[in-house]
Full PDB file with SEQRES, HELIX, SHEET, SSBOND, CRYST1, ORIGX, SCALE, CONECT and MASTER records, all heavy atoms in Angstrom:
SEQRES   1 A   40  THR LYS TYR GLY MET ASP PHE ARG PHE LEU TYR ASN ILE          
SEQRES   2 A   40  PRO LEU SER ILE MET TYR VAL LEU ARG TYR GLU ALA ALA          
SEQRES   3 A   40  ALA PHE LEU VAL THR SER VAL CYS THR GLU THR GLY PHE          
SEQRES   4 A   40  GLY                                                          
HELIX    1 AA1 MET A    5  LEU A   10  1                                   6    
HELIX    2 AA2 ASN A   12  GLU A   36  1                                  25    
CRYST1    1.000    1.000    1.000  90.00  90.00  90.00 P 1           1          
ORIGX1      1.000000  0.000000  0.000000        0.00000                         
ORIGX2      0.000000  1.000000  0.000000        0.00000                         
ORIGX3      0.000000  0.000000  1.000000        0.00000                         
SCALE1      1.000000  0.000000  0.000000        0.00000                         
SCALE2      0.000000  1.000000  0.000000        0.00000                         
SCALE3      0.000000  0.000000  1.000000        0.00000                         
ATOM      1  N   THR A   1      94.020  77.557 131.914  1.00  0.00           N  
ATOM      2  CA  THR A   1      94.142  76.839 133.215  1.00  0.00           C  
ATOM      3  C   THR A   1      95.588  76.997 133.662  1.00  0.00           C  
ATOM      4  O   THR A   1      95.902  77.030 134.945  1.00  0.00           O  
ATOM      5  CB  THR A   1      93.982  75.350 132.757  1.00  0.00           C  
ATOM      6  OG1 THR A   1      94.902  74.860 131.844  1.00  0.00           O  
ATOM      7  CG2 THR A   1      92.564  75.060 132.404  1.00  0.00           C  
ATOM      8  N   LYS A   2      96.583  77.094 132.797  1.00  0.00           N  
ATOM      9  CA  LYS A   2      98.102  77.187 133.271  1.00  0.00           C  
ATOM     10  C   LYS A   2      98.425  78.587 133.618  1.00  0.00           C  
ATOM     11  O   LYS A   2      99.201  78.872 134.465  1.00  0.00           O  
ATOM     12  CB  LYS A   2      98.922  76.604 132.139  1.00  0.00           C  
ATOM     13  CG  LYS A   2     100.433  76.644 132.458  1.00  0.00           C  
ATOM     14  CD  LYS A   2     101.249  76.000 131.396  1.00  0.00           C  
ATOM     15  CE  LYS A   2     102.675  76.046 131.747  1.00  0.00           C  
ATOM     16  NZ  LYS A   2     103.565  75.439 130.558  1.00  0.00           N  
ATOM     17  N   TYR A   3      97.832  79.641 132.940  1.00  0.00           N  
ATOM     18  CA  TYR A   3      98.281  81.045 133.023  1.00  0.00           C  
ATOM     19  C   TYR A   3      97.151  81.875 133.780  1.00  0.00           C  
ATOM     20  O   TYR A   3      96.032  81.463 133.827  1.00  0.00           O  
ATOM     21  CB  TYR A   3      98.519  81.647 131.720  1.00  0.00           C  
ATOM     22  CG  TYR A   3      99.638  81.007 130.802  1.00  0.00           C  
ATOM     23  CD1 TYR A   3      99.174  80.196 129.804  1.00  0.00           C  
ATOM     24  CD2 TYR A   3     100.885  81.151 131.059  1.00  0.00           C  
ATOM     25  CE1 TYR A   3     100.240  79.500 129.023  1.00  0.00           C  
ATOM     26  CE2 TYR A   3     101.864  80.481 130.442  1.00  0.00           C  
ATOM     27  CZ  TYR A   3     101.556  79.723 129.302  1.00  0.00           C  
ATOM     28  OH  TYR A   3     102.451  79.220 128.530  1.00  0.00           O  
ATOM     29  N   GLY A   4      97.692  82.837 134.481  1.00  0.00           N  
ATOM     30  CA  GLY A   4      96.858  83.613 135.375  1.00  0.00           C  
ATOM     31  C   GLY A   4      96.101  84.686 134.456  1.00  0.00           C  
ATOM     32  O   GLY A   4      96.260  84.972 133.335  1.00  0.00           O  
ATOM     33  N   MET A   5      95.212  85.409 135.218  1.00  0.00           N  
ATOM     34  CA  MET A   5      94.504  86.397 134.535  1.00  0.00           C  
ATOM     35  C   MET A   5      95.253  87.572 134.002  1.00  0.00           C  
ATOM     36  O   MET A   5      95.142  88.203 133.027  1.00  0.00           O  
ATOM     37  CB  MET A   5      93.379  86.989 135.535  1.00  0.00           C  
ATOM     38  CG  MET A   5      92.526  88.125 134.998  1.00  0.00           C  
ATOM     39  SD  MET A   5      91.357  88.699 136.218  1.00  0.00           S  
ATOM     40  CE  MET A   5      90.756  90.158 135.446  1.00  0.00           C  
ATOM     41  N   ASP A   6      96.380  87.953 134.780  1.00  0.00           N  
ATOM     42  CA  ASP A   6      97.302  89.017 134.494  1.00  0.00           C  
ATOM     43  C   ASP A   6      98.046  88.643 133.124  1.00  0.00           C  
ATOM     44  O   ASP A   6      98.151  89.418 132.194  1.00  0.00           O  
ATOM     45  CB  ASP A   6      98.246  89.409 135.376  1.00  0.00           C  
ATOM     46  CG  ASP A   6      99.031  87.995 135.952  1.00  0.00           C  
ATOM     47  OD1 ASP A   6      98.593  86.954 135.656  1.00  0.00           O  
ATOM     48  OD2 ASP A   6     100.102  88.217 136.677  1.00  0.00           O  
ATOM     49  N   PHE A   7      98.466  87.381 132.975  1.00  0.00           N  
ATOM     50  CA  PHE A   7      99.228  86.960 131.766  1.00  0.00           C  
ATOM     51  C   PHE A   7      98.173  87.082 130.586  1.00  0.00           C  
ATOM     52  O   PHE A   7      98.579  87.383 129.468  1.00  0.00           O  
ATOM     53  CB  PHE A   7      99.665  85.600 132.010  1.00  0.00           C  
ATOM     54  CG  PHE A   7     100.391  85.048 130.744  1.00  0.00           C  
ATOM     55  CD1 PHE A   7     101.754  85.276 130.476  1.00  0.00           C  
ATOM     56  CD2 PHE A   7      99.669  84.305 129.781  1.00  0.00           C  
ATOM     57  CE1 PHE A   7     102.310  84.790 129.307  1.00  0.00           C  
ATOM     58  CE2 PHE A   7     100.211  83.769 128.710  1.00  0.00           C  
ATOM     59  CZ  PHE A   7     101.663  84.042 128.495  1.00  0.00           C  
ATOM     60  N   ARG A   8      96.883  86.635 130.808  1.00  0.00           N  
ATOM     61  CA  ARG A   8      96.020  86.586 129.602  1.00  0.00           C  
ATOM     62  C   ARG A   8      95.766  87.977 129.206  1.00  0.00           C  
ATOM     63  O   ARG A   8      95.550  88.212 128.037  1.00  0.00           O  
ATOM     64  CB  ARG A   8      94.726  85.844 130.103  1.00  0.00           C  
ATOM     65  CG  ARG A   8      94.906  84.386 130.346  1.00  0.00           C  
ATOM     66  CD  ARG A   8      93.517  83.614 130.363  1.00  0.00           C  
ATOM     67  NE  ARG A   8      92.857  84.100 131.509  1.00  0.00           N  
ATOM     68  CZ  ARG A   8      92.879  83.541 132.773  1.00  0.00           C  
ATOM     69  NH1 ARG A   8      93.675  82.447 132.944  1.00  0.00           N  
ATOM     70  NH2 ARG A   8      92.089  83.857 133.697  1.00  0.00           N  
ATOM     71  N   PHE A   9      95.657  88.897 130.110  1.00  0.00           N  
ATOM     72  CA  PHE A   9      95.437  90.328 129.713  1.00  0.00           C  
ATOM     73  C   PHE A   9      96.543  90.892 129.081  1.00  0.00           C  
ATOM     74  O   PHE A   9      96.447  91.552 128.017  1.00  0.00           O  
ATOM     75  CB  PHE A   9      95.076  91.154 130.869  1.00  0.00           C  
ATOM     76  CG  PHE A   9      94.774  92.560 130.613  1.00  0.00           C  
ATOM     77  CD1 PHE A   9      93.455  92.832 130.189  1.00  0.00           C  
ATOM     78  CD2 PHE A   9      95.565  93.642 130.778  1.00  0.00           C  
ATOM     79  CE1 PHE A   9      93.070  94.222 129.867  1.00  0.00           C  
ATOM     80  CE2 PHE A   9      95.340  94.912 130.447  1.00  0.00           C  
ATOM     81  CZ  PHE A   9      94.077  95.203 129.997  1.00  0.00           C  
ATOM     82  N   LEU A  10      97.840  90.675 129.553  1.00  0.00           N  
ATOM     83  CA  LEU A  10      99.053  91.312 128.992  1.00  0.00           C  
ATOM     84  C   LEU A  10      99.393  90.678 127.679  1.00  0.00           C  
ATOM     85  O   LEU A  10     100.164  91.242 126.906  1.00  0.00           O  
ATOM     86  CB  LEU A  10     100.135  91.237 130.060  1.00  0.00           C  
ATOM     87  CG  LEU A  10      99.991  92.027 131.158  1.00  0.00           C  
ATOM     88  CD1 LEU A  10     101.175  91.830 132.233  1.00  0.00           C  
ATOM     89  CD2 LEU A  10      99.848  93.564 130.922  1.00  0.00           C  
ATOM     90  N   TYR A  11      98.986  89.466 127.451  1.00  0.00           N  
ATOM     91  CA  TYR A  11      99.317  88.798 126.206  1.00  0.00           C  
ATOM     92  C   TYR A  11      98.670  89.541 125.015  1.00  0.00           C  
ATOM     93  O   TYR A  11      99.156  89.321 123.935  1.00  0.00           O  
ATOM     94  CB  TYR A  11      98.728  87.303 126.240  1.00  0.00           C  
ATOM     95  CG  TYR A  11      99.143  86.470 125.021  1.00  0.00           C  
ATOM     96  CD1 TYR A  11     100.542  85.997 124.981  1.00  0.00           C  
ATOM     97  CD2 TYR A  11      98.311  86.276 123.960  1.00  0.00           C  
ATOM     98  CE1 TYR A  11     100.859  85.320 123.824  1.00  0.00           C  
ATOM     99  CE2 TYR A  11      98.716  85.513 123.005  1.00  0.00           C  
ATOM    100  CZ  TYR A  11      99.936  85.012 122.836  1.00  0.00           C  
ATOM    101  OH  TYR A  11     100.447  84.278 121.693  1.00  0.00           O  
ATOM    102  N   ASN A  12      97.587  90.315 125.330  1.00  0.00           N  
ATOM    103  CA  ASN A  12      97.124  90.986 124.177  1.00  0.00           C  
ATOM    104  C   ASN A  12      98.079  92.190 123.747  1.00  0.00           C  
ATOM    105  O   ASN A  12      97.887  92.664 122.535  1.00  0.00           O  
ATOM    106  CB  ASN A  12      95.870  91.850 124.711  1.00  0.00           C  
ATOM    107  CG  ASN A  12      94.708  90.846 125.032  1.00  0.00           C  
ATOM    108  OD1 ASN A  12      94.636  89.738 124.465  1.00  0.00           O  
ATOM    109  ND2 ASN A  12      93.810  91.206 125.877  1.00  0.00           N  
ATOM    110  N   ILE A  13      98.984  92.654 124.437  1.00  0.00           N  
ATOM    111  CA  ILE A  13      99.841  93.699 123.998  1.00  0.00           C  
ATOM    112  C   ILE A  13     100.621  93.347 122.770  1.00  0.00           C  
ATOM    113  O   ILE A  13     100.594  94.107 121.785  1.00  0.00           O  
ATOM    114  CB  ILE A  13     100.857  94.012 125.192  1.00  0.00           C  
ATOM    115  CG1 ILE A  13     100.009  94.611 126.292  1.00  0.00           C  
ATOM    116  CG2 ILE A  13     101.825  95.076 124.658  1.00  0.00           C  
ATOM    117  CD1 ILE A  13     100.965  95.053 127.547  1.00  0.00           C  
ATOM    118  N   PRO A  14     101.439  92.287 122.702  1.00  0.00           N  
ATOM    119  CA  PRO A  14     102.108  91.984 121.403  1.00  0.00           C  
ATOM    120  C   PRO A  14     101.130  91.693 120.258  1.00  0.00           C  
ATOM    121  O   PRO A  14     101.451  91.929 119.133  1.00  0.00           O  
ATOM    122  CB  PRO A  14     102.808  90.636 121.821  1.00  0.00           C  
ATOM    123  CG  PRO A  14     102.287  90.080 122.912  1.00  0.00           C  
ATOM    124  CD  PRO A  14     101.714  91.138 123.671  1.00  0.00           C  
ATOM    125  N   LEU A  15      99.996  91.148 120.661  1.00  0.00           N  
ATOM    126  CA  LEU A  15      99.001  90.846 119.479  1.00  0.00           C  
ATOM    127  C   LEU A  15      98.475  92.215 118.956  1.00  0.00           C  
ATOM    128  O   LEU A  15      98.236  92.356 117.676  1.00  0.00           O  
ATOM    129  CB  LEU A  15      97.865  89.995 120.005  1.00  0.00           C  
ATOM    130  CG  LEU A  15      97.921  88.434 119.903  1.00  0.00           C  
ATOM    131  CD1 LEU A  15      98.198  88.017 118.323  1.00  0.00           C  
ATOM    132  CD2 LEU A  15      99.165  87.912 120.689  1.00  0.00           C  
ATOM    133  N   SER A  16      98.280  93.237 119.889  1.00  0.00           N  
ATOM    134  CA  SER A  16      97.848  94.411 119.310  1.00  0.00           C  
ATOM    135  C   SER A  16      98.906  95.105 118.549  1.00  0.00           C  
ATOM    136  O   SER A  16      98.527  95.755 117.487  1.00  0.00           O  
ATOM    137  CB  SER A  16      97.398  95.357 120.558  1.00  0.00           C  
ATOM    138  OG  SER A  16      98.457  95.657 121.401  1.00  0.00           O  
ATOM    139  N   ILE A  17     100.115  95.113 118.866  1.00  0.00           N  
ATOM    140  CA  ILE A  17     101.222  95.683 118.120  1.00  0.00           C  
ATOM    141  C   ILE A  17     101.277  94.934 116.726  1.00  0.00           C  
ATOM    142  O   ILE A  17     101.434  95.658 115.673  1.00  0.00           O  
ATOM    143  CB  ILE A  17     102.514  95.468 118.826  1.00  0.00           C  
ATOM    144  CG1 ILE A  17     102.450  96.312 120.129  1.00  0.00           C  
ATOM    145  CG2 ILE A  17     103.696  95.950 118.066  1.00  0.00           C  
ATOM    146  CD1 ILE A  17     103.740  96.097 121.088  1.00  0.00           C  
ATOM    147  N   MET A  18     101.163  93.721 116.691  1.00  0.00           N  
ATOM    148  CA  MET A  18     101.209  92.895 115.494  1.00  0.00           C  
ATOM    149  C   MET A  18     100.033  93.388 114.587  1.00  0.00           C  
ATOM    150  O   MET A  18     100.303  93.552 113.275  1.00  0.00           O  
ATOM    151  CB  MET A  18     101.156  91.481 115.701  1.00  0.00           C  
ATOM    152  CG  MET A  18     102.365  90.805 116.287  1.00  0.00           C  
ATOM    153  SD  MET A  18     102.142  89.291 116.930  1.00  0.00           S  
ATOM    154  CE  MET A  18     101.687  88.343 115.354  1.00  0.00           C  
ATOM    155  N   TYR A  19      98.813  93.592 115.103  1.00  0.00           N  
ATOM    156  CA  TYR A  19      97.711  94.061 114.333  1.00  0.00           C  
ATOM    157  C   TYR A  19      97.963  95.402 113.741  1.00  0.00           C  
ATOM    158  O   TYR A  19      97.668  95.673 112.493  1.00  0.00           O  
ATOM    159  CB  TYR A  19      96.492  94.074 115.313  1.00  0.00           C  
ATOM    160  CG  TYR A  19      95.278  94.636 114.577  1.00  0.00           C  
ATOM    161  CD1 TYR A  19      94.466  93.793 113.771  1.00  0.00           C  
ATOM    162  CD2 TYR A  19      94.777  95.976 114.573  1.00  0.00           C  
ATOM    163  CE1 TYR A  19      93.344  94.106 113.109  1.00  0.00           C  
ATOM    164  CE2 TYR A  19      93.639  96.409 113.986  1.00  0.00           C  
ATOM    165  CZ  TYR A  19      92.888  95.442 113.246  1.00  0.00           C  
ATOM    166  OH  TYR A  19      91.811  95.908 112.582  1.00  0.00           O  
ATOM    167  N   VAL A  20      98.533  96.239 114.457  1.00  0.00           N  
ATOM    168  CA  VAL A  20      98.774  97.701 113.980  1.00  0.00           C  
ATOM    169  C   VAL A  20      99.834  97.526 112.866  1.00  0.00           C  
ATOM    170  O   VAL A  20      99.810  98.303 111.792  1.00  0.00           O  
ATOM    171  CB  VAL A  20      99.261  98.596 115.067  1.00  0.00           C  
ATOM    172  CG1 VAL A  20      99.797  99.954 114.480  1.00  0.00           C  
ATOM    173  CG2 VAL A  20      98.277  98.778 116.095  1.00  0.00           C  
ATOM    174  N   LEU A  21     100.835  96.767 112.970  1.00  0.00           N  
ATOM    175  CA  LEU A  21     101.967  96.665 112.021  1.00  0.00           C  
ATOM    176  C   LEU A  21     101.506  96.051 110.757  1.00  0.00           C  
ATOM    177  O   LEU A  21     101.846  96.560 109.683  1.00  0.00           O  
ATOM    178  CB  LEU A  21     103.155  95.757 112.614  1.00  0.00           C  
ATOM    179  CG  LEU A  21     103.951  96.346 113.757  1.00  0.00           C  
ATOM    180  CD1 LEU A  21     104.851  95.276 114.245  1.00  0.00           C  
ATOM    181  CD2 LEU A  21     104.790  97.569 113.273  1.00  0.00           C  
ATOM    182  N   ARG A  22     100.556  95.028 110.800  1.00  0.00           N  
ATOM    183  CA  ARG A  22     100.257  94.408 109.648  1.00  0.00           C  
ATOM    184  C   ARG A  22      99.163  95.312 108.900  1.00  0.00           C  
ATOM    185  O   ARG A  22      99.210  95.480 107.652  1.00  0.00           O  
ATOM    186  CB  ARG A  22      99.455  93.060 110.014  1.00  0.00           C  
ATOM    187  CG  ARG A  22      98.754  92.425 108.860  1.00  0.00           C  
ATOM    188  CD  ARG A  22      98.280  90.966 109.312  1.00  0.00           C  
ATOM    189  NE  ARG A  22      97.293  91.048 110.262  1.00  0.00           N  
ATOM    190  CZ  ARG A  22      95.974  91.150 110.152  1.00  0.00           C  
ATOM    191  NH1 ARG A  22      95.494  91.284 108.882  1.00  0.00           N  
ATOM    192  NH2 ARG A  22      95.123  91.212 111.177  1.00  0.00           N  
ATOM    193  N   TYR A  23      98.447  96.053 109.603  1.00  0.00           N  
ATOM    194  CA  TYR A  23      97.373  96.981 109.004  1.00  0.00           C  
ATOM    195  C   TYR A  23      98.078  98.159 108.350  1.00  0.00           C  
ATOM    196  O   TYR A  23      97.766  98.496 107.268  1.00  0.00           O  
ATOM    197  CB  TYR A  23      96.472  97.459 110.126  1.00  0.00           C  
ATOM    198  CG  TYR A  23      95.054  97.773 109.443  1.00  0.00           C  
ATOM    199  CD1 TYR A  23      93.961  96.921 109.845  1.00  0.00           C  
ATOM    200  CD2 TYR A  23      94.871  98.769 108.682  1.00  0.00           C  
ATOM    201  CE1 TYR A  23      92.628  97.290 109.364  1.00  0.00           C  
ATOM    202  CE2 TYR A  23      93.536  99.205 108.114  1.00  0.00           C  
ATOM    203  CZ  TYR A  23      92.378  98.348 108.528  1.00  0.00           C  
ATOM    204  OH  TYR A  23      91.239  98.613 107.968  1.00  0.00           O  
ATOM    205  N   GLU A  24      99.121  98.689 109.013  1.00  0.00           N  
ATOM    206  CA  GLU A  24      99.792  99.846 108.520  1.00  0.00           C  
ATOM    207  C   GLU A  24     100.760  99.456 107.256  1.00  0.00           C  
ATOM    208  O   GLU A  24     100.907 100.271 106.338  1.00  0.00           O  
ATOM    209  CB  GLU A  24     100.668 100.548 109.598  1.00  0.00           C  
ATOM    210  CG  GLU A  24      99.925 101.326 110.612  1.00  0.00           C  
ATOM    211  CD  GLU A  24     100.678 102.392 111.200  1.00  0.00           C  
ATOM    212  OE1 GLU A  24     101.546 102.926 110.528  1.00  0.00           O  
ATOM    213  OE2 GLU A  24     100.425 102.729 112.351  1.00  0.00           O  
ATOM    214  N   ALA A  25     101.195  98.327 107.323  1.00  0.00           N  
ATOM    215  CA  ALA A  25     102.132  97.866 106.234  1.00  0.00           C  
ATOM    216  C   ALA A  25     101.220  97.590 104.967  1.00  0.00           C  
ATOM    217  O   ALA A  25     101.594  98.017 103.843  1.00  0.00           O  
ATOM    218  CB  ALA A  25     102.711  96.400 106.559  1.00  0.00           C  
ATOM    219  N   ALA A  26      99.990  97.108 105.053  1.00  0.00           N  
ATOM    220  CA  ALA A  26      99.095  96.910 104.013  1.00  0.00           C  
ATOM    221  C   ALA A  26      98.637  98.225 103.412  1.00  0.00           C  
ATOM    222  O   ALA A  26      98.658  98.537 102.238  1.00  0.00           O  
ATOM    223  CB  ALA A  26      97.869  96.117 104.547  1.00  0.00           C  
ATOM    224  N   ALA A  27      98.523  99.361 104.357  1.00  0.00           N  
ATOM    225  CA  ALA A  27      98.159 100.661 103.997  1.00  0.00           C  
ATOM    226  C   ALA A  27      99.193 101.336 103.172  1.00  0.00           C  
ATOM    227  O   ALA A  27      98.897 101.943 102.176  1.00  0.00           O  
ATOM    228  CB  ALA A  27      97.723 101.455 105.127  1.00  0.00           C  
ATOM    229  N   PHE A  28     100.500 101.065 103.630  1.00  0.00           N  
ATOM    230  CA  PHE A  28     101.602 101.704 102.935  1.00  0.00           C  
ATOM    231  C   PHE A  28     101.661 101.119 101.560  1.00  0.00           C  
ATOM    232  O   PHE A  28     101.940 101.854 100.505  1.00  0.00           O  
ATOM    233  CB  PHE A  28     102.900 101.322 103.769  1.00  0.00           C  
ATOM    234  CG  PHE A  28     103.124 102.358 104.810  1.00  0.00           C  
ATOM    235  CD1 PHE A  28     103.385 101.857 106.064  1.00  0.00           C  
ATOM    236  CD2 PHE A  28     103.001 103.704 104.636  1.00  0.00           C  
ATOM    237  CE1 PHE A  28     103.634 102.777 107.165  1.00  0.00           C  
ATOM    238  CE2 PHE A  28     103.190 104.563 105.752  1.00  0.00           C  
ATOM    239  CZ  PHE A  28     103.522 104.182 106.896  1.00  0.00           C  
ATOM    240  N   LEU A  29     101.528  99.843 101.405  1.00  0.00           N  
ATOM    241  CA  LEU A  29     101.521  99.275 100.100  1.00  0.00           C  
ATOM    242  C   LEU A  29     100.471  99.710  99.147  1.00  0.00           C  
ATOM    243  O   LEU A  29     100.738  99.869  97.979  1.00  0.00           O  
ATOM    244  CB  LEU A  29     101.584  97.730 100.272  1.00  0.00           C  
ATOM    245  CG  LEU A  29     102.763  96.994 100.790  1.00  0.00           C  
ATOM    246  CD1 LEU A  29     102.603  95.508 100.989  1.00  0.00           C  
ATOM    247  CD2 LEU A  29     104.103  97.286  99.947  1.00  0.00           C  
ATOM    248  N   VAL A  30      99.283  99.730  99.688  1.00  0.00           N  
ATOM    249  CA  VAL A  30      98.233 100.091  98.889  1.00  0.00           C  
ATOM    250  C   VAL A  30      98.362 101.654  98.459  1.00  0.00           C  
ATOM    251  O   VAL A  30      98.177 101.960  97.202  1.00  0.00           O  
ATOM    252  CB  VAL A  30      96.864  99.986  99.724  1.00  0.00           C  
ATOM    253  CG1 VAL A  30      95.756 100.607  99.023  1.00  0.00           C  
ATOM    254  CG2 VAL A  30      96.533  98.494  99.911  1.00  0.00           C  
ATOM    255  N   THR A  31      98.791 102.521  99.270  1.00  0.00           N  
ATOM    256  CA  THR A  31      98.786 103.942  98.901  1.00  0.00           C  
ATOM    257  C   THR A  31      99.968 104.183  98.077  1.00  0.00           C  
ATOM    258  O   THR A  31     100.066 105.131  97.342  1.00  0.00           O  
ATOM    259  CB  THR A  31      98.839 104.757 100.150  1.00  0.00           C  
ATOM    260  OG1 THR A  31      99.940 104.306 101.100  1.00  0.00           O  
ATOM    261  CG2 THR A  31      97.459 104.615 100.892  1.00  0.00           C  
ATOM    262  N   SER A  32     101.013 103.265  98.098  1.00  0.00           N  
ATOM    263  CA  SER A  32     102.256 103.538  97.285  1.00  0.00           C  
ATOM    264  C   SER A  32     101.785 103.290  95.817  1.00  0.00           C  
ATOM    265  O   SER A  32     102.436 103.900  94.905  1.00  0.00           O  
ATOM    266  CB  SER A  32     103.282 102.434  97.741  1.00  0.00           C  
ATOM    267  OG  SER A  32     102.911 101.143  97.446  1.00  0.00           O  
ATOM    268  N   VAL A  33     100.945 102.429  95.561  1.00  0.00           N  
ATOM    269  CA  VAL A  33     100.427 102.255  94.179  1.00  0.00           C  
ATOM    270  C   VAL A  33      99.803 103.570  93.635  1.00  0.00           C  
ATOM    271  O   VAL A  33     100.030 104.003  92.477  1.00  0.00           O  
ATOM    272  CB  VAL A  33      99.403 101.088  94.143  1.00  0.00           C  
ATOM    273  CG1 VAL A  33      98.852 100.913  92.638  1.00  0.00           C  
ATOM    274  CG2 VAL A  33     100.042  99.749  94.499  1.00  0.00           C  
ATOM    275  N   CYS A  34      98.905 104.113  94.582  1.00  0.00           N  
ATOM    276  CA  CYS A  34      98.361 105.254  94.151  1.00  0.00           C  
ATOM    277  C   CYS A  34      99.310 106.536  94.108  1.00  0.00           C  
ATOM    278  O   CYS A  34      99.239 107.306  93.166  1.00  0.00           O  
ATOM    279  CB  CYS A  34      97.351 105.781  95.315  1.00  0.00           C  
ATOM    280  SG  CYS A  34      95.942 104.492  95.493  1.00  0.00           S  
ATOM    281  N   THR A  35     100.205 106.491  94.990  1.00  0.00           N  
ATOM    282  CA  THR A  35     101.290 107.701  94.932  1.00  0.00           C  
ATOM    283  C   THR A  35     102.076 107.559  93.770  1.00  0.00           C  
ATOM    284  O   THR A  35     102.486 108.671  93.186  1.00  0.00           O  
ATOM    285  CB  THR A  35     102.210 107.432  96.297  1.00  0.00           C  
ATOM    286  OG1 THR A  35     101.296 107.477  97.373  1.00  0.00           O  
ATOM    287  CG2 THR A  35     103.204 108.696  96.334  1.00  0.00           C  
ATOM    288  N   GLU A  36     102.570 106.393  93.259  1.00  0.00           N  
ATOM    289  CA  GLU A  36     103.410 106.286  92.197  1.00  0.00           C  
ATOM    290  C   GLU A  36     102.821 106.960  90.907  1.00  0.00           C  
ATOM    291  O   GLU A  36     103.429 107.401  90.029  1.00  0.00           O  
ATOM    292  CB  GLU A  36     103.822 104.873  91.961  1.00  0.00           C  
ATOM    293  CG  GLU A  36     104.718 104.608  90.719  1.00  0.00           C  
ATOM    294  CD  GLU A  36     105.995 105.463  90.739  1.00  0.00           C  
ATOM    295  OE1 GLU A  36     106.370 105.960  91.950  1.00  0.00           O  
ATOM    296  OE2 GLU A  36     106.591 105.552  89.676  1.00  0.00           O  
ATOM    297  N   THR A  37     101.397 106.832  90.747  1.00  0.00           N  
ATOM    298  CA  THR A  37     100.804 107.313  89.689  1.00  0.00           C  
ATOM    299  C   THR A  37     100.431 108.797  89.817  1.00  0.00           C  
ATOM    300  O   THR A  37      99.870 109.436  88.900  1.00  0.00           O  
ATOM    301  CB  THR A  37      99.255 106.548  89.396  1.00  0.00           C  
ATOM    302  OG1 THR A  37      98.524 106.790  90.657  1.00  0.00           O  
ATOM    303  CG2 THR A  37      99.656 105.130  89.223  1.00  0.00           C  
ATOM    304  N   GLY A  38     100.694 109.333  91.025  1.00  0.00           N  
ATOM    305  CA  GLY A  38     100.446 110.743  91.218  1.00  0.00           C  
ATOM    306  C   GLY A  38      99.006 111.021  91.644  1.00  0.00           C  
ATOM    307  O   GLY A  38      98.478 112.136  91.695  1.00  0.00           O  
ATOM    308  N   PHE A  39      98.302 109.974  92.049  1.00  0.00           N  
ATOM    309  CA  PHE A  39      97.008 110.046  92.484  1.00  0.00           C  
ATOM    310  C   PHE A  39      96.869 110.627  93.828  1.00  0.00           C  
ATOM    311  O   PHE A  39      97.507 110.162  94.821  1.00  0.00           O  
ATOM    312  CB  PHE A  39      96.333 108.606  92.374  1.00  0.00           C  
ATOM    313  CG  PHE A  39      94.855 108.615  92.654  1.00  0.00           C  
ATOM    314  CD1 PHE A  39      93.973 108.814  91.466  1.00  0.00           C  
ATOM    315  CD2 PHE A  39      94.367 108.561  93.896  1.00  0.00           C  
ATOM    316  CE1 PHE A  39      92.623 108.855  91.754  1.00  0.00           C  
ATOM    317  CE2 PHE A  39      92.926 108.595  94.125  1.00  0.00           C  
ATOM    318  CZ  PHE A  39      92.039 108.738  93.105  1.00  0.00           C  
ATOM    319  N   GLY A  40      96.001 111.688  94.060  1.00  0.00           N  
ATOM    320  CA  GLY A  40      95.752 112.215  95.313  1.00  0.00           C  
ATOM    321  C   GLY A  40      96.819 113.248  95.804  1.00  0.00           C  
ATOM    322  O   GLY A  40      96.677 113.657  96.939  1.00  0.00           O  
TER     323      GLY A  40                                                      
MASTER        0    0    0    2    0    0    0    6  322    1    0    4          
END                                                                             
């Protein structure tokens, strides 16, 4: 009600960046366990 359609659409940008950061950080931590053992 308070914000316009353009704001609602552009608000997705920081949320999408946060999603990528969280997913990649988890992937780095997971693969680091495998990497330390020489797996792969």
